Amino acid sequence: MQLEEKIWFWTLLVIPVILLLFLILQFWKYKTQQKFADKALLKKLSPNRSLFKSVLKILVLCMAFACIAIALVNPKIGTKFETVKREGVDIVFAVDVSKSMLAEDIAPNRLEKSKQLVTQIINNLASDRIGIIAYAGKAFPQLPITTDYAAAKMFLQSMNTDMLSSQGTAINEAINLAKTYYDDDDQTNRILIIISDGEDHGNDASRVAEEAAEAGIRIFTIGVGSTSGGPIPEKRNGIILNYKKDNTGETVITRLDETTLKNIADQANGQYINGNNTSKVVEEIKDLLIKMDKKEFEAKQFADFESQFQWFLAAAILLLFLDIFLLDRKTAWLKRLNLFNENF
């Protein structure tokens, strides 16, 4: 789907203005009527009053404005696929979502910084295919290899430290899972980018990285956090309640383990990059990808898009018709239904 004129979404601001004016009008009418007469007398003088009918009219009007706004945006739906040839590299991002990634020794925290890094790298890709893995105590396939960068960024933003119940940092499982992402036996341009603080990777990580290198996968590691480290906050509704403590009651300090990340990268013919400077990380990844041979592959994408504004415009006209010709007058069928509790 495409949205042709997104600027027209601003017209939706008319709706809260209409609702606010309606509330002000109702309050003014209530106060004025109270000064004029008591409730019993008002009921005799105006037996057909109906607050429900007024609310219904304003809701219909708001829905009509919403439909007009969407019609002006002109959403388009893809109707025809075409196969295009691209050249690129297969890149899998393995993002650490263990609890230590909540440490705020790098703003806003390690996990959010990791998301920013991956997002900026994706924004600077041209025709490479990408996939995403989340891992903590286990590895979880978040997104298979695709050329849909928008979907990748959407899945990336949904990642959090609660998505995997088992804690720890099973980088070996993430590497093994990444092997299943590369579906082309002839593809030699296989890249795995691991974003982590490097803690608790275990002894198998280097061995598994070496096995990945034998399978033609180059591993680049990006370290997030600081070597001085920081505590792991425990929050509720965004408010820090406490910091994680060990069995002795001491506050746990989690630190960036660059040595482990460097060893993993060295075993898989890759490179370690410190992730504190986002622009520097993006430039280094771009330089690395430029030097690599690109492989041609086929990808499907939408070629033709059809406008859908007419459906929303028709809905707006129908709602306005309903408001003007039905809700503003007493029709026979409305009398029989007596929706508004009127005494005819």
C-alpha atoms as a PDB file:
ATOM      1  CA  MET A   1       0.000   0.000   0.000  1.00  0.00           C
ATOM      2  CA  GLN A   2       1.108   3.572  -0.734  1.00  0.00           C
ATOM      3  CA  LEU A   3      -0.118   6.864   0.717  1.00  0.00           C
ATOM      4  CA  GLU A   4       0.215   9.513  -1.988  1.00  0.00           C
ATOM      5  CA  GLU A   5      -0.432  12.774  -0.079  1.00  0.00           C
ATOM      6  CA  LYS A   6       0.322  12.135   3.600  1.00  0.00           C
ATOM      7  CA  ILE A   7       0.188  15.854   4.400  1.00  0.00           C
ATOM      8  CA  TRP A   8      -3.625  15.686   4.277  1.00  0.00           C
ATOM      9  CA  PHE A   9      -3.608  13.601   7.455  1.00  0.00           C
ATOM     10  CA  TRP A  10      -3.293  16.969   9.219  1.00  0.00           C
ATOM     11  CA  THR A  11      -6.925  17.658   8.309  1.00  0.00           C
ATOM     12  CA  LEU A  12      -7.883  15.000  10.880  1.00  0.00           C
ATOM     13  CA  LEU A  13      -7.136  17.669  13.484  1.00  0.00           C
ATOM     14  CA  VAL A  14     -10.524  19.152  12.535  1.00  0.00           C
ATOM     15  CA  ILE A  15     -12.218  16.246  14.368  1.00  0.00           C
ATOM     16  CA  PRO A  16     -11.021  17.051  17.921  1.00  0.00           C
ATOM     17  CA  VAL A  17     -11.885  20.724  17.237  1.00  0.00           C
ATOM     18  CA  ILE A  18     -15.440  19.712  16.256  1.00  0.00           C
ATOM     19  CA  LEU A  19     -15.783  17.534  19.362  1.00  0.00           C
ATOM     20  CA  LEU A  20     -14.466  20.307  21.608  1.00  0.00           C
ATOM     21  CA  LEU A  21     -16.894  22.857  20.121  1.00  0.00           C
ATOM     22  CA  PHE A  22     -19.732  20.356  20.542  1.00  0.00           C
ATOM     23  CA  LEU A  23     -18.913  19.872  24.230  1.00  0.00           C
ATOM     24  CA  ILE A  24     -18.699  23.625  24.763  1.00  0.00           C
ATOM     25  CA  LEU A  25     -22.070  24.099  23.018  1.00  0.00           C
ATOM     26  CA  GLN A  26     -23.719  21.386  25.107  1.00  0.00           C
ATOM     27  CA  PHE A  27     -22.362  22.906  28.323  1.00  0.00           C
ATOM     28  CA  TRP A  28     -23.574  26.362  27.294  1.00  0.00           C
ATOM     29  CA  LYS A  29     -27.042  25.001  26.411  1.00  0.00           C
ATOM     30  CA  TYR A  30     -27.261  23.174  29.733  1.00  0.00           C
ATOM     31  CA  LYS A  31     -26.364  26.291  31.732  1.00  0.00           C
ATOM     32  CA  THR A  32     -28.733  28.498  29.719  1.00  0.00           C
ATOM     33  CA  GLN A  33     -31.645  26.064  30.086  1.00  0.00           C
ATOM     34  CA  GLN A  34     -31.068  25.847  33.830  1.00  0.00           C
ATOM     35  CA  LYS A  35     -31.439  29.620  34.077  1.00  0.00           C
ATOM     36  CA  PHE A  36     -34.561  29.560  31.913  1.00  0.00           C
ATOM     37  CA  ALA A  37     -36.606  26.827  33.630  1.00  0.00           C
ATOM     38  CA  ASP A  38     -36.397  23.679  35.728  1.00  0.00           C
ATOM     39  CA  LYS A  39     -36.206  20.179  34.241  1.00  0.00           C
ATOM     40  CA  ALA A  40     -39.910  19.415  34.526  1.00  0.00           C
ATOM     41  CA  LEU A  41     -40.903  22.601  32.714  1.00  0.00           C
ATOM     42  CA  LEU A  42     -38.250  22.109  30.022  1.00  0.00           C
ATOM     43  CA  LYS A  43     -39.579  18.620  29.360  1.00  0.00           C
ATOM     44  CA  LYS A  44     -43.067  20.048  28.803  1.00  0.00           C
ATOM     45  CA  LEU A  45     -41.828  22.902  26.633  1.00  0.00           C
ATOM     46  CA  SER A  46     -39.495  20.713  24.563  1.00  0.00           C
ATOM     47  CA  PRO A  47     -40.644  17.080  24.746  1.00  0.00           C
ATOM     48  CA  ASN A  48     -38.662  16.001  21.680  1.00  0.00           C
ATOM     49  CA  ARG A  49     -35.225  16.915  23.015  1.00  0.00           C
ATOM     50  CA  SER A  50     -32.681  14.107  22.514  1.00  0.00           C
ATOM     51  CA  LEU A  51     -29.018  14.224  23.568  1.00  0.00           C
ATOM     52  CA  PHE A  52     -28.452  10.862  21.891  1.00  0.00           C
ATOM     53  CA  LYS A  53     -29.533  12.304  18.548  1.00  0.00           C
ATOM     54  CA  SER A  54     -27.112  15.229  18.928  1.00  0.00           C
ATOM     55  CA  VAL A  55     -24.236  12.869  19.806  1.00  0.00           C
ATOM     56  CA  LEU A  56     -25.093  10.627  16.861  1.00  0.00           C
ATOM     57  CA  LYS A  57     -25.098  13.609  14.484  1.00  0.00           C
ATOM     58  CA  ILE A  58     -21.686  14.810  15.668  1.00  0.00           C
ATOM     59  CA  LEU A  59     -20.195  11.305  15.392  1.00  0.00           C
ATOM     60  CA  VAL A  60     -21.536  10.948  11.842  1.00  0.00           C
ATOM     61  CA  LEU A  61     -20.048  14.343  10.970  1.00  0.00           C
ATOM     62  CA  CYS A  62     -16.649  13.360  12.418  1.00  0.00           C
ATOM     63  CA  MET A  63     -16.640  10.081  10.478  1.00  0.00           C
ATOM     64  CA  ALA A  64     -17.451  12.012   7.302  1.00  0.00           C
ATOM     65  CA  PHE A  65     -14.473  14.346   7.898  1.00  0.00           C
ATOM     66  CA  ALA A  66     -12.239  11.332   8.560  1.00  0.00           C
ATOM     67  CA  CYS A  67     -13.289   9.727   5.265  1.00  0.00           C
ATOM     68  CA  ILE A  68     -12.662  12.991   3.394  1.00  0.00           C
ATOM     69  CA  ALA A  69      -9.170  13.245   4.939  1.00  0.00           C
ATOM     70  CA  ILE A  70      -8.299   9.670   3.908  1.00  0.00           C
ATOM     71  CA  ALA A  71      -9.678  10.337   0.413  1.00  0.00           C
ATOM     72  CA  LEU A  72      -7.375  13.374   0.124  1.00  0.00           C
ATOM     73  CA  VAL A  73      -4.404  11.236   1.222  1.00  0.00           C
ATOM     74  CA  ASN A  74      -5.327   8.882  -1.659  1.00  0.00           C
ATOM     75  CA  PRO A  75      -4.254   5.421  -0.460  1.00  0.00           C
ATOM     76  CA  LYS A  76      -3.124   3.141  -3.263  1.00  0.00           C
ATOM     77  CA  ILE A  77      -3.087  -0.648  -3.307  1.00  0.00           C
ATOM     78  CA  GLY A  78      -0.621  -2.649  -5.368  1.00  0.00           C
ATOM     79  CA  THR A  79      -2.376  -4.710  -8.009  1.00  0.00           C
ATOM     80  CA  LYS A  80       0.433  -6.180 -10.079  1.00  0.00           C
ATOM     81  CA  PHE A  81       3.719  -7.872  -9.203  1.00  0.00           C
ATOM     82  CA  GLU A  82       6.827  -7.663 -11.325  1.00  0.00           C
ATOM     83  CA  THR A  83      10.093  -9.555 -10.980  1.00  0.00           C
ATOM     84  CA  VAL A  84      13.196  -7.389 -10.879  1.00  0.00           C
ATOM     85  CA  LYS A  85      16.853  -8.371 -10.785  1.00  0.00           C
ATOM     86  CA  ARG A  86      18.972  -6.935  -8.010  1.00  0.00           C
ATOM     87  CA  GLU A  87      22.526  -7.221  -6.848  1.00  0.00           C
ATOM     88  CA  GLY A  88      23.369  -7.320  -3.192  1.00  0.00           C
ATOM     89  CA  VAL A  89      24.465  -9.137  -0.083  1.00  0.00           C
ATOM     90  CA  ASP A  90      22.410 -11.247   2.322  1.00  0.00           C
ATOM     91  CA  ILE A  91      22.608  -9.584   5.749  1.00  0.00           C
ATOM     92  CA  VAL A  92      21.162 -11.036   8.947  1.00  0.00           C
ATOM     93  CA  PHE A  93      20.981  -8.864  12.062  1.00  0.00           C
ATOM     94  CA  ALA A  94      21.122 -10.726  15.391  1.00  0.00           C
ATOM     95  CA  VAL A  95      19.953  -8.375  18.146  1.00  0.00           C
ATOM     96  CA  ASP A  96      20.609  -9.164  21.815  1.00  0.00           C
ATOM     97  CA  VAL A  97      17.365  -8.747  23.831  1.00  0.00           C
ATOM     98  CA  SER A  98      18.633 -10.010  27.185  1.00  0.00           C
ATOM     99  CA  LYS A  99      17.898  -7.979  30.336  1.00  0.00           C
ATOM    100  CA  SER A 100      21.417  -6.535  30.412  1.00  0.00           C
ATOM    101  CA  MET A 101      20.457  -4.584  27.277  1.00  0.00           C
ATOM    102  CA  LEU A 102      18.234  -2.384  29.475  1.00  0.00           C
ATOM    103  CA  ALA A 103      21.312  -0.790  31.069  1.00  0.00           C
ATOM    104  CA  GLU A 104      21.356   2.955  30.450  1.00  0.00           C
ATOM    105  CA  ASP A 105      25.117   3.476  30.291  1.00  0.00           C
ATOM    106  CA  ILE A 106      24.487   4.495  26.678  1.00  0.00           C
ATOM    107  CA  ALA A 107      21.437   6.648  25.898  1.00  0.00           C
ATOM    108  CA  PRO A 108      18.581   5.886  25.911  1.00  0.00           C
ATOM    109  CA  ASN A 109      19.564   2.289  26.729  1.00  0.00           C
ATOM    110  CA  ARG A 110      21.524  -0.482  25.035  1.00  0.00           C
ATOM    111  CA  LEU A 111      18.534  -2.090  23.318  1.00  0.00           C
ATOM    112  CA  GLU A 112      17.143   1.179  21.943  1.00  0.00           C
ATOM    113  CA  LYS A 113      20.627   2.098  20.764  1.00  0.00           C
ATOM    114  CA  SER A 114      20.833  -1.276  18.990  1.00  0.00           C
ATOM    115  CA  LYS A 115      17.530  -0.578  17.224  1.00  0.00           C
ATOM    116  CA  GLN A 116      18.790   2.843  16.142  1.00  0.00           C
ATOM    117  CA  LEU A 117      21.968   1.303  14.732  1.00  0.00           C
ATOM    118  CA  VAL A 118      20.127  -1.374  12.743  1.00  0.00           C
ATOM    119  CA  THR A 119      17.561   1.151  11.476  1.00  0.00           C
ATOM    120  CA  GLN A 120      20.266   3.511  10.223  1.00  0.00           C
ATOM    121  CA  ILE A 121      22.168   0.676   8.557  1.00  0.00           C
ATOM    122  CA  ILE A 122      18.974  -0.438   6.785  1.00  0.00           C
ATOM    123  CA  ASN A 123      18.301   3.162   5.688  1.00  0.00           C
ATOM    124  CA  ASN A 124      21.661   3.176   3.910  1.00  0.00           C
ATOM    125  CA  LEU A 125      21.219  -0.133   2.085  1.00  0.00           C
ATOM    126  CA  ALA A 126      20.299  -0.210  -1.588  1.00  0.00           C
ATOM    127  CA  SER A 127      19.315  -3.657  -2.818  1.00  0.00           C
ATOM    128  CA  ASP A 128      20.629  -6.049  -0.191  1.00  0.00           C
ATOM    129  CA  ARG A 129      18.395  -8.656   1.404  1.00  0.00           C
ATOM    130  CA  ILE A 130      18.012  -8.562   5.176  1.00  0.00           C
ATOM    131  CA  GLY A 131      16.748 -10.747   8.013  1.00  0.00           C
ATOM    132  CA  ILE A 132      16.408 -10.254  11.776  1.00  0.00           C
ATOM    133  CA  ILE A 133      17.003 -12.596  14.714  1.00  0.00           C
ATOM    134  CA  ALA A 134      16.274 -11.855  18.375  1.00  0.00           C
ATOM    135  CA  TYR A 135      18.200 -13.778  20.998  1.00  0.00           C
ATOM    136  CA  ALA A 136      18.685 -14.032  24.741  1.00  0.00           C
ATOM    137  CA  GLY A 137      18.745 -17.488  26.385  1.00  0.00           C
ATOM    138  CA  LYS A 138      17.259 -18.750  23.107  1.00  0.00           C
ATOM    139  CA  ALA A 139      17.319 -17.472  19.538  1.00  0.00           C
ATOM    140  CA  PHE A 140      14.068 -16.512  17.816  1.00  0.00           C
ATOM    141  CA  PRO A 141      13.540 -15.814  14.060  1.00  0.00           C
ATOM    142  CA  GLN A 142      12.035 -12.324  13.985  1.00  0.00           C
ATOM    143  CA  LEU A 143      12.039 -11.785  10.192  1.00  0.00           C
ATOM    144  CA  PRO A 144      13.223 -14.103   7.375  1.00  0.00           C
ATOM    145  CA  ILE A 145      15.387 -12.866   4.514  1.00  0.00           C
ATOM    146  CA  THR A 146      13.484 -10.167   2.616  1.00  0.00           C
ATOM    147  CA  THR A 147      13.857  -7.006   0.566  1.00  0.00           C
ATOM    148  CA  ASP A 148      10.996  -5.324   2.432  1.00  0.00           C
ATOM    149  CA  TYR A 149      12.891  -2.747   4.492  1.00  0.00           C
ATOM    150  CA  ALA A 150       9.707  -1.159   5.865  1.00  0.00           C
ATOM    151  CA  ALA A 151       8.580  -4.492   7.335  1.00  0.00           C
ATOM    152  CA  ALA A 152      12.059  -5.046   8.767  1.00  0.00           C
ATOM    153  CA  LYS A 153      11.980  -1.734  10.617  1.00  0.00           C
ATOM    154  CA  MET A 154       8.474  -2.432  11.888  1.00  0.00           C
ATOM    155  CA  PHE A 155       9.505  -5.821  13.310  1.00  0.00           C
ATOM    156  CA  LEU A 156      12.664  -4.264  14.716  1.00  0.00           C
ATOM    157  CA  GLN A 157      10.736  -1.657  16.716  1.00  0.00           C
ATOM    158  CA  SER A 158       8.553  -4.355  18.289  1.00  0.00           C
ATOM    159  CA  MET A 159      11.551  -6.119  19.845  1.00  0.00           C
ATOM    160  CA  ASN A 160      11.889  -5.956  23.635  1.00  0.00           C
ATOM    161  CA  THR A 161      13.479  -7.821  26.540  1.00  0.00           C
ATOM    162  CA  ASP A 162      10.203  -9.580  27.416  1.00  0.00           C
ATOM    163  CA  MET A 163       9.789 -11.356  24.085  1.00  0.00           C
ATOM    164  CA  LEU A 164      11.988 -14.281  25.208  1.00  0.00           C
ATOM    165  CA  SER A 165      11.345 -15.803  28.624  1.00  0.00           C
ATOM    166  CA  SER A 166      14.704 -17.584  28.920  1.00  0.00           C
ATOM    167  CA  GLN A 167      17.468 -15.184  29.870  1.00  0.00           C
ATOM    168  CA  GLY A 168      21.181 -15.328  29.154  1.00  0.00           C
ATOM    169  CA  THR A 169      22.937 -14.567  25.886  1.00  0.00           C
ATOM    170  CA  ALA A 170      23.001 -17.647  23.622  1.00  0.00           C
ATOM    171  CA  ILE A 171      25.004 -16.181  20.751  1.00  0.00           C
ATOM    172  CA  ASN A 172      25.846 -19.698  19.563  1.00  0.00           C
ATOM    173  CA  GLU A 173      22.119 -20.371  19.000  1.00  0.00           C
ATOM    174  CA  ALA A 174      21.757 -17.084  17.127  1.00  0.00           C
ATOM    175  CA  ILE A 175      24.657 -18.033  14.816  1.00  0.00           C
ATOM    176  CA  ASN A 176      23.225 -21.516  14.201  1.00  0.00           C
ATOM    177  CA  LEU A 177      19.807 -20.006  13.455  1.00  0.00           C
ATOM    178  CA  ALA A 178      21.381 -17.515  11.053  1.00  0.00           C
ATOM    179  CA  LYS A 179      22.766 -20.413   8.996  1.00  0.00           C
ATOM    180  CA  THR A 180      19.196 -21.385   8.073  1.00  0.00           C
ATOM    181  CA  TYR A 181      18.479 -17.884   6.713  1.00  0.00           C
ATOM    182  CA  TYR A 182      20.771 -18.175   3.712  1.00  0.00           C
ATOM    183  CA  ASP A 183      18.803 -20.248   1.206  1.00  0.00           C
ATOM    184  CA  ASP A 184      21.139 -20.040  -1.783  1.00  0.00           C
ATOM    185  CA  ASP A 185      23.904 -22.655  -1.783  1.00  0.00           C
ATOM    186  CA  ASP A 186      25.924 -20.597  -4.283  1.00  0.00           C
ATOM    187  CA  GLN A 187      25.628 -17.389  -2.267  1.00  0.00           C
ATOM    188  CA  THR A 188      29.049 -16.496  -0.866  1.00  0.00           C
ATOM    189  CA  ASN A 189      28.121 -12.993   0.301  1.00  0.00           C
ATOM    190  CA  ARG A 190      26.653 -13.979   3.645  1.00  0.00           C
ATOM    191  CA  ILE A 191      26.878 -11.432   6.423  1.00  0.00           C
ATOM    192  CA  LEU A 192      25.806 -11.809  10.052  1.00  0.00           C
ATOM    193  CA  ILE A 193      25.845  -8.616  12.126  1.00  0.00           C
ATOM    194  CA  ILE A 194      25.599  -9.249  15.869  1.00  0.00           C
ATOM    195  CA  ILE A 195      24.595  -6.298  18.060  1.00  0.00           C
ATOM    196  CA  SER A 196      25.221  -6.991  21.731  1.00  0.00           C
ATOM    197  CA  ASP A 197      26.961  -5.938  24.942  1.00  0.00           C
ATOM    198  CA  GLY A 198      29.015  -9.144  24.745  1.00  0.00           C
ATOM    199  CA  GLU A 199      28.117 -10.442  28.209  1.00  0.00           C
ATOM    200  CA  ASP A 200      27.468 -14.119  29.050  1.00  0.00           C
ATOM    201  CA  HIS A 201      28.152 -15.457  25.572  1.00  0.00           C
ATOM    202  CA  GLY A 202      29.573 -18.725  26.879  1.00  0.00           C
ATOM    203  CA  ASN A 203      32.525 -20.768  25.656  1.00  0.00           C
ATOM    204  CA  ASP A 204      30.834 -22.129  22.530  1.00  0.00           C
ATOM    205  CA  ALA A 205      30.473 -18.769  20.783  1.00  0.00           C
ATOM    206  CA  SER A 206      33.955 -18.703  19.236  1.00  0.00           C
ATOM    207  CA  ARG A 207      33.701 -22.331  18.111  1.00  0.00           C
ATOM    208  CA  VAL A 208      30.299 -21.788  16.500  1.00  0.00           C
ATOM    209  CA  ALA A 209      31.608 -18.609  14.844  1.00  0.00           C
ATOM    210  CA  GLU A 210      34.434 -20.623  13.330  1.00  0.00           C
ATOM    211  CA  GLU A 211      31.906 -23.149  12.000  1.00  0.00           C
ATOM    212  CA  ALA A 212      29.910 -20.277  10.510  1.00  0.00           C
ATOM    213  CA  ALA A 213      33.021 -19.046   8.718  1.00  0.00           C
ATOM    214  CA  GLU A 214      33.459 -22.516   7.208  1.00  0.00           C
ATOM    215  CA  ALA A 215      29.879 -22.185   5.899  1.00  0.00           C
ATOM    216  CA  GLY A 216      30.795 -18.927   4.170  1.00  0.00           C
ATOM    217  CA  ILE A 217      29.312 -16.569   6.758  1.00  0.00           C
ATOM    218  CA  ARG A 218      31.279 -13.502   7.804  1.00  0.00           C
ATOM    219  CA  ILE A 219      30.359 -12.184  11.249  1.00  0.00           C
ATOM    220  CA  PHE A 220      30.627  -8.539  12.194  1.00  0.00           C
ATOM    221  CA  THR A 221      29.998  -7.634  15.816  1.00  0.00           C
ATOM    222  CA  ILE A 222      28.819  -4.261  17.132  1.00  0.00           C
ATOM    223  CA  GLY A 223      29.287  -3.565  20.825  1.00  0.00           C
ATOM    224  CA  VAL A 224      26.772  -1.383  22.653  1.00  0.00           C
ATOM    225  CA  GLY A 225      27.354  -0.089  26.149  1.00  0.00           C
ATOM    226  CA  SER A 226      30.396   1.119  28.059  1.00  0.00           C
ATOM    227  CA  THR A 227      33.331  -0.746  29.569  1.00  0.00           C
ATOM    228  CA  SER A 228      32.692   1.020  32.875  1.00  0.00           C
ATOM    229  CA  GLY A 229      29.193  -0.470  32.797  1.00  0.00           C
ATOM    230  CA  GLY A 230      25.957   0.364  34.562  1.00  0.00           C
ATOM    231  CA  PRO A 231      23.148  -1.182  36.629  1.00  0.00           C
ATOM    232  CA  ILE A 232      20.107  -2.899  35.091  1.00  0.00           C
ATOM    233  CA  PRO A 233      16.958  -0.921  35.952  1.00  0.00           C
ATOM    234  CA  GLU A 234      13.701  -2.640  36.846  1.00  0.00           C
ATOM    235  CA  LYS A 235      10.851  -0.401  35.698  1.00  0.00           C
ATOM    236  CA  ARG A 236       7.080  -0.210  35.856  1.00  0.00           C
ATOM    237  CA  ASN A 237       5.235   2.226  33.581  1.00  0.00           C
ATOM    238  CA  GLY A 238       8.568   3.827  32.700  1.00  0.00           C
ATOM    239  CA  ILE A 239       9.466   4.530  36.342  1.00  0.00           C
ATOM    240  CA  ILE A 240      12.572   2.929  37.885  1.00  0.00           C
ATOM    241  CA  LEU A 241      11.523   0.901  40.936  1.00  0.00           C
ATOM    242  CA  ASN A 242      14.828  -0.796  41.638  1.00  0.00           C
ATOM    243  CA  TYR A 243      18.023  -2.147  40.104  1.00  0.00           C
ATOM    244  CA  LYS A 244      18.724  -5.827  39.493  1.00  0.00           C
ATOM    245  CA  LYS A 245      20.608  -7.478  42.354  1.00  0.00           C
ATOM    246  CA  ASP A 246      22.581 -10.714  42.633  1.00  0.00           C
ATOM    247  CA  ASN A 247      22.103 -13.508  45.203  1.00  0.00           C
ATOM    248  CA  THR A 248      24.058 -11.573  47.818  1.00  0.00           C
ATOM    249  CA  GLY A 249      21.869  -8.483  47.446  1.00  0.00           C
ATOM    250  CA  GLU A 250      24.526  -6.466  45.602  1.00  0.00           C
ATOM    251  CA  THR A 251      23.499  -4.355  42.597  1.00  0.00           C
ATOM    252  CA  VAL A 252      24.522  -6.067  39.349  1.00  0.00           C
ATOM    253  CA  ILE A 253      26.817  -3.988  37.132  1.00  0.00           C
ATOM    254  CA  THR A 254      26.800  -5.044  33.490  1.00  0.00           C
ATOM    255  CA  ARG A 255      29.763  -4.066  31.299  1.00  0.00           C
ATOM    256  CA  LEU A 256      30.508  -4.090  27.596  1.00  0.00           C
ATOM    257  CA  ASP A 257      32.712  -7.116  26.877  1.00  0.00           C
ATOM    258  CA  GLU A 258      34.618  -6.067  23.770  1.00  0.00           C
ATOM    259  CA  THR A 259      37.104  -8.956  24.029  1.00  0.00           C
ATOM    260  CA  THR A 260      34.424 -11.601  23.496  1.00  0.00           C
ATOM    261  CA  LEU A 261      32.884  -9.716  20.571  1.00  0.00           C
ATOM    262  CA  LYS A 262      36.298  -9.249  18.945  1.00  0.00           C
ATOM    263  CA  ASN A 263      37.056 -12.984  19.291  1.00  0.00           C
ATOM    264  CA  ILE A 264      33.752 -13.904  17.628  1.00  0.00           C
ATOM    265  CA  ALA A 265      34.425 -11.522  14.719  1.00  0.00           C
ATOM    266  CA  ASP A 266      38.027 -12.750  14.316  1.00  0.00           C
ATOM    267  CA  GLN A 267      36.926 -16.395  14.176  1.00  0.00           C
ATOM    268  CA  ALA A 268      34.476 -15.601  11.344  1.00  0.00           C
ATOM    269  CA  ASN A 269      36.682 -13.354   9.158  1.00  0.00           C
ATOM    270  CA  GLY A 270      34.769 -10.312  10.293  1.00  0.00           C
ATOM    271  CA  GLN A 271      35.388  -7.170  12.292  1.00  0.00           C
ATOM    272  CA  TYR A 272      34.408  -5.661  15.621  1.00  0.00           C
ATOM    273  CA  ILE A 273      32.888  -2.153  15.657  1.00  0.00           C
ATOM    274  CA  ASN A 274      32.178  -0.063  18.746  1.00  0.00           C
ATOM    275  CA  GLY A 275      28.538   1.045  18.507  1.00  0.00           C
ATOM    276  CA  ASN A 276      28.640   4.267  20.534  1.00  0.00           C
ATOM    277  CA  ASN A 277      28.864   6.504  17.431  1.00  0.00           C
ATOM    278  CA  THR A 278      25.954   5.683  15.096  1.00  0.00           C
ATOM    279  CA  SER A 279      27.208   7.589  12.043  1.00  0.00           C
ATOM    280  CA  LYS A 280      30.647   5.983  12.353  1.00  0.00           C
ATOM    281  CA  VAL A 281      29.101   2.504  12.533  1.00  0.00           C
ATOM    282  CA  VAL A 282      26.975   3.157   9.437  1.00  0.00           C
ATOM    283  CA  GLU A 283      29.963   4.432   7.470  1.00  0.00           C
ATOM    284  CA  GLU A 284      32.106   1.426   8.420  1.00  0.00           C
ATOM    285  CA  ILE A 285      29.354  -1.026   7.420  1.00  0.00           C
ATOM    286  CA  LYS A 286      28.850   0.834   4.124  1.00  0.00           C
ATOM    287  CA  ASP A 287      32.585   0.658   3.370  1.00  0.00           C
ATOM    288  CA  LEU A 288      32.671  -3.054   4.158  1.00  0.00           C
ATOM    289  CA  LEU A 289      29.695  -3.780   1.895  1.00  0.00           C
ATOM    290  CA  ILE A 290      31.117  -1.725  -0.983  1.00  0.00           C
ATOM    291  CA  LYS A 291      34.238  -3.901  -0.999  1.00  0.00           C
ATOM    292  CA  MET A 292      32.233  -7.111  -1.235  1.00  0.00           C
ATOM    293  CA  ASP A 293      31.181  -8.803  -4.455  1.00  0.00           C
ATOM    294  CA  LYS A 294      27.460  -8.533  -5.078  1.00  0.00           C
ATOM    295  CA  LYS A 295      25.340 -11.466  -6.171  1.00  0.00           C
ATOM    296  CA  GLU A 296      22.418 -11.085  -8.530  1.00  0.00           C
ATOM    297  CA  PHE A 297      19.049 -12.323  -7.341  1.00  0.00           C
ATOM    298  CA  GLU A 298      15.418 -11.939  -8.291  1.00  0.00           C
ATOM    299  CA  ALA A 299      12.885 -10.097  -6.163  1.00  0.00           C
ATOM    300  CA  LYS A 300       9.189  -9.414  -6.606  1.00  0.00           C
ATOM    301  CA  GLN A 301       7.737  -5.979  -6.074  1.00  0.00           C
ATOM    302  CA  PHE A 302       4.495  -4.169  -6.855  1.00  0.00           C
ATOM    303  CA  ALA A 303       4.591  -2.432 -10.238  1.00  0.00           C
ATOM    304  CA  ASP A 304       1.064  -1.009 -10.530  1.00  0.00           C
ATOM    305  CA  PHE A 305      -0.905   0.775  -7.833  1.00  0.00           C
ATOM    306  CA  GLU A 306      -4.583   1.748  -8.028  1.00  0.00           C
ATOM    307  CA  SER A 307      -6.092   4.701  -6.170  1.00  0.00           C
ATOM    308  CA  GLN A 308      -8.695   3.881  -3.518  1.00  0.00           C
ATOM    309  CA  PHE A 309      -9.808   7.431  -2.664  1.00  0.00           C
ATOM    310  CA  GLN A 310     -13.210   6.968  -4.333  1.00  0.00           C
ATOM    311  CA  TRP A 311     -14.382   4.489  -1.676  1.00  0.00           C
ATOM    312  CA  PHE A 312     -13.654   6.907   1.165  1.00  0.00           C
ATOM    313  CA  LEU A 313     -15.181   9.817  -0.778  1.00  0.00           C
ATOM    314  CA  ALA A 314     -18.343   7.776  -1.368  1.00  0.00           C
ATOM    315  CA  ALA A 315     -18.487   6.897   2.338  1.00  0.00           C
ATOM    316  CA  ALA A 316     -18.130  10.593   3.250  1.00  0.00           C
ATOM    317  CA  ILE A 317     -20.968  11.585   0.884  1.00  0.00           C
ATOM    318  CA  LEU A 318     -23.169   8.800   2.286  1.00  0.00           C
ATOM    319  CA  LEU A 319     -22.526   9.944   5.863  1.00  0.00           C
ATOM    320  CA  LEU A 320     -23.255  13.577   4.996  1.00  0.00           C
ATOM    321  CA  PHE A 321     -26.437  12.480   3.207  1.00  0.00           C
ATOM    322  CA  LEU A 322     -27.444  10.550   6.335  1.00  0.00           C
ATOM    323  CA  ASP A 323     -26.779  13.597   8.498  1.00  0.00           C
ATOM    324  CA  ILE A 324     -28.625  16.121   6.322  1.00  0.00           C
ATOM    325  CA  PHE A 325     -31.595  14.150   5.040  1.00  0.00           C
ATOM    326  CA  LEU A 326     -32.280  11.676   7.838  1.00  0.00           C
ATOM    327  CA  LEU A 327     -30.995  12.986  11.153  1.00  0.00           C
ATOM    328  CA  ASP A 328     -32.247  16.545  10.574  1.00  0.00           C
ATOM    329  CA  ARG A 329     -35.847  15.603   9.876  1.00  0.00           C
ATOM    330  CA  LYS A 330     -38.567  13.294  11.150  1.00  0.00           C
ATOM    331  CA  THR A 331     -38.952  10.431   8.724  1.00  0.00           C
ATOM    332  CA  ALA A 332     -41.655   7.767   8.944  1.00  0.00           C
ATOM    333  CA  TRP A 333     -39.292   4.902   9.672  1.00  0.00           C
ATOM    334  CA  LEU A 334     -37.481   6.895  12.347  1.00  0.00           C
ATOM    335  CA  LYS A 335     -40.823   7.626  13.987  1.00  0.00           C
ATOM    336  CA  ARG A 336     -41.622   3.928  14.121  1.00  0.00           C
ATOM    337  CA  LEU A 337     -38.174   3.022  15.517  1.00  0.00           C
ATOM    338  CA  ASN A 338     -38.208   5.929  17.994  1.00  0.00           C
ATOM    339  CA  LEU A 339     -34.414   5.693  18.346  1.00  0.00           C
ATOM    340  CA  PHE A 340     -34.173   8.986  20.150  1.00  0.00           C
ATOM    341  CA  ASN A 341     -36.908   8.437  22.736  1.00  0.00           C
ATOM    342  CA  GLU A 342     -39.044  11.183  21.252  1.00  0.00           C
ATOM    343  CA  ASN A 343     -42.721  11.598  22.014  1.00  0.00           C
ATOM    344  CA  PHE A 344     -44.472  11.985  18.690  1.00  0.00           C
END
